[in-house]
Protein backbone atom coordinates (compact mmCIF):
# COMPACT_ATOMS: atom_id res chain seq x y z
CA MET A 1 -42.68 -21.33 229.34
CA LYS A 2 -45.04 -24.24 228.67
CA GLN A 3 -45.96 -24.93 225.04
CA GLU A 4 -49.39 -26.22 224.13
CA LYS A 5 -49.54 -29.48 222.21
CA LYS A 6 -50.78 -28.77 218.69
CA GLU A 7 -53.65 -31.00 217.58
CA LYS A 8 -52.93 -32.60 214.20
CA GLU A 9 -55.53 -32.08 211.51
CA GLY A 10 -56.83 -34.98 209.46
CA TRP A 11 -56.95 -35.14 205.69
CA ARG A 12 -60.69 -34.44 205.74
CA GLU A 13 -59.98 -30.90 206.96
CA LEU A 14 -57.97 -30.04 203.83
CA PRO A 15 -59.67 -27.65 201.40
CA ILE A 16 -60.43 -29.19 198.00
CA GLY A 17 -57.70 -28.37 195.48
CA LEU A 18 -55.24 -27.16 198.11
CA ILE A 19 -51.56 -27.18 197.17
CA LEU A 20 -49.30 -27.93 200.14
CA GLY A 21 -45.64 -27.16 200.71
CA ALA A 22 -42.92 -29.70 201.48
CA ALA A 23 -43.04 -31.99 204.55
CA THR A 24 -46.65 -31.21 205.37
CA CYS A 25 -47.43 -34.93 205.48
CA LEU A 26 -46.22 -34.90 209.07
CA ASN A 27 -49.28 -32.80 209.90
CA PHE A 28 -51.79 -35.19 208.30
CA GLU A 29 -52.08 -38.83 209.29
CA THR A 30 -53.55 -40.39 206.16
CA GLY A 31 -53.59 -44.05 207.17
CA ASP A 32 -57.35 -44.17 207.51
CA TRP A 33 -57.65 -44.16 203.70
CA ARG A 34 -56.83 -47.89 203.59
CA SER A 35 -59.15 -50.70 202.56
CA GLU A 36 -56.24 -53.16 202.75
CA LYS A 37 -53.10 -53.05 204.86
CA PRO A 38 -49.67 -54.65 204.55
CA ILE A 39 -48.58 -57.16 207.18
CA TRP A 40 -44.80 -57.44 207.59
CA ASP A 41 -43.30 -60.78 208.70
CA ALA A 42 -40.01 -60.05 210.50
CA GLU A 43 -38.92 -63.70 210.33
CA LYS A 44 -39.15 -63.82 206.53
CA CYS A 45 -37.65 -60.37 205.92
CA THR A 46 -34.09 -60.21 204.56
CA HIS A 47 -33.92 -56.39 205.00
CA CYS A 48 -33.24 -55.83 201.30
CA LEU A 49 -35.10 -52.47 201.71
CA ILE A 50 -36.86 -52.76 198.35
CA CYS A 51 -40.17 -52.07 200.10
CA TRP A 52 -38.70 -48.94 201.69
CA VAL A 53 -37.41 -47.66 198.34
CA TYR A 54 -40.77 -48.09 196.59
CA CYS A 55 -43.12 -46.95 199.38
CA PRO A 56 -44.64 -43.65 198.17
CA ASP A 57 -45.65 -42.68 201.71
CA SER A 58 -42.39 -43.42 203.56
CA ALA A 59 -44.42 -45.71 205.79
CA ILE A 60 -41.77 -48.45 206.00
CA THR A 61 -39.72 -47.74 209.12
CA VAL A 62 -36.01 -48.54 208.99
CA LYS A 63 -33.33 -48.31 211.67
CA ASP A 64 -29.66 -49.14 211.20
CA GLY A 65 -30.33 -50.53 207.72
CA LYS A 66 -33.06 -52.95 208.88
CA VAL A 67 -36.81 -52.81 208.44
CA GLN A 68 -38.54 -52.24 211.77
CA GLY A 69 -42.15 -52.32 210.61
CA ILE A 70 -44.86 -50.27 208.95
CA ASP A 71 -46.14 -46.92 210.21
CA TYR A 72 -49.89 -47.39 209.74
CA ARG A 73 -50.53 -43.72 210.55
CA TYR A 74 -49.29 -42.88 207.04
CA CYS A 75 -49.68 -46.14 205.06
CA LYS A 76 -52.53 -45.78 202.56
CA GLY A 77 -52.60 -49.48 201.66
CA CYS A 78 -51.50 -49.18 198.04
CA GLY A 79 -49.79 -52.59 198.16
CA ILE A 80 -46.63 -51.51 196.33
CA CYS A 81 -44.46 -52.81 199.19
CA ALA A 82 -46.06 -56.28 199.00
CA GLU A 83 -45.80 -56.31 195.20
CA GLU A 84 -42.11 -55.33 195.23
CA CYS A 85 -41.08 -57.72 198.02
CA PRO A 86 -39.07 -60.47 196.26
CA PRO A 87 -41.32 -63.44 195.32
CA LYS A 88 -39.13 -66.00 197.08
CA ILE A 89 -39.33 -64.03 200.32
CA LYS A 90 -42.85 -62.53 200.44
CA ALA A 91 -42.28 -60.90 203.83
CA ILE A 92 -45.18 -58.50 203.18
CA THR A 93 -48.73 -59.60 202.45
CA MET A 94 -51.87 -57.53 202.04
CA VAL A 95 -54.95 -58.20 204.17
CA ARG A 96 -58.37 -56.55 204.29
CA GLU A 97 -58.44 -53.64 206.72
CA GLU A 98 -60.77 -54.31 209.65
CA LYS A 99 -62.07 -51.17 211.34
């Protein structure tokens, strides 16, 4: 039996004032909210995972205890990851989002 691929809705389709249950963020790619985006420099990164801990959108991808990058489908560009990255390292910088 072949299953149809479900089209994901965007955040603009949400009713105003809607309260959602747990894990519904997987249904809504909210990355297009950004005006700035974080750029991760793999060569500078020490994989301390501070950015991962502080990211409110779970947009920092980690595998085997090491940062792999940023999932821009969910990153809203808040800049917390860049702010929390240790000053001596600065592996994450914010840049203006170009559409």
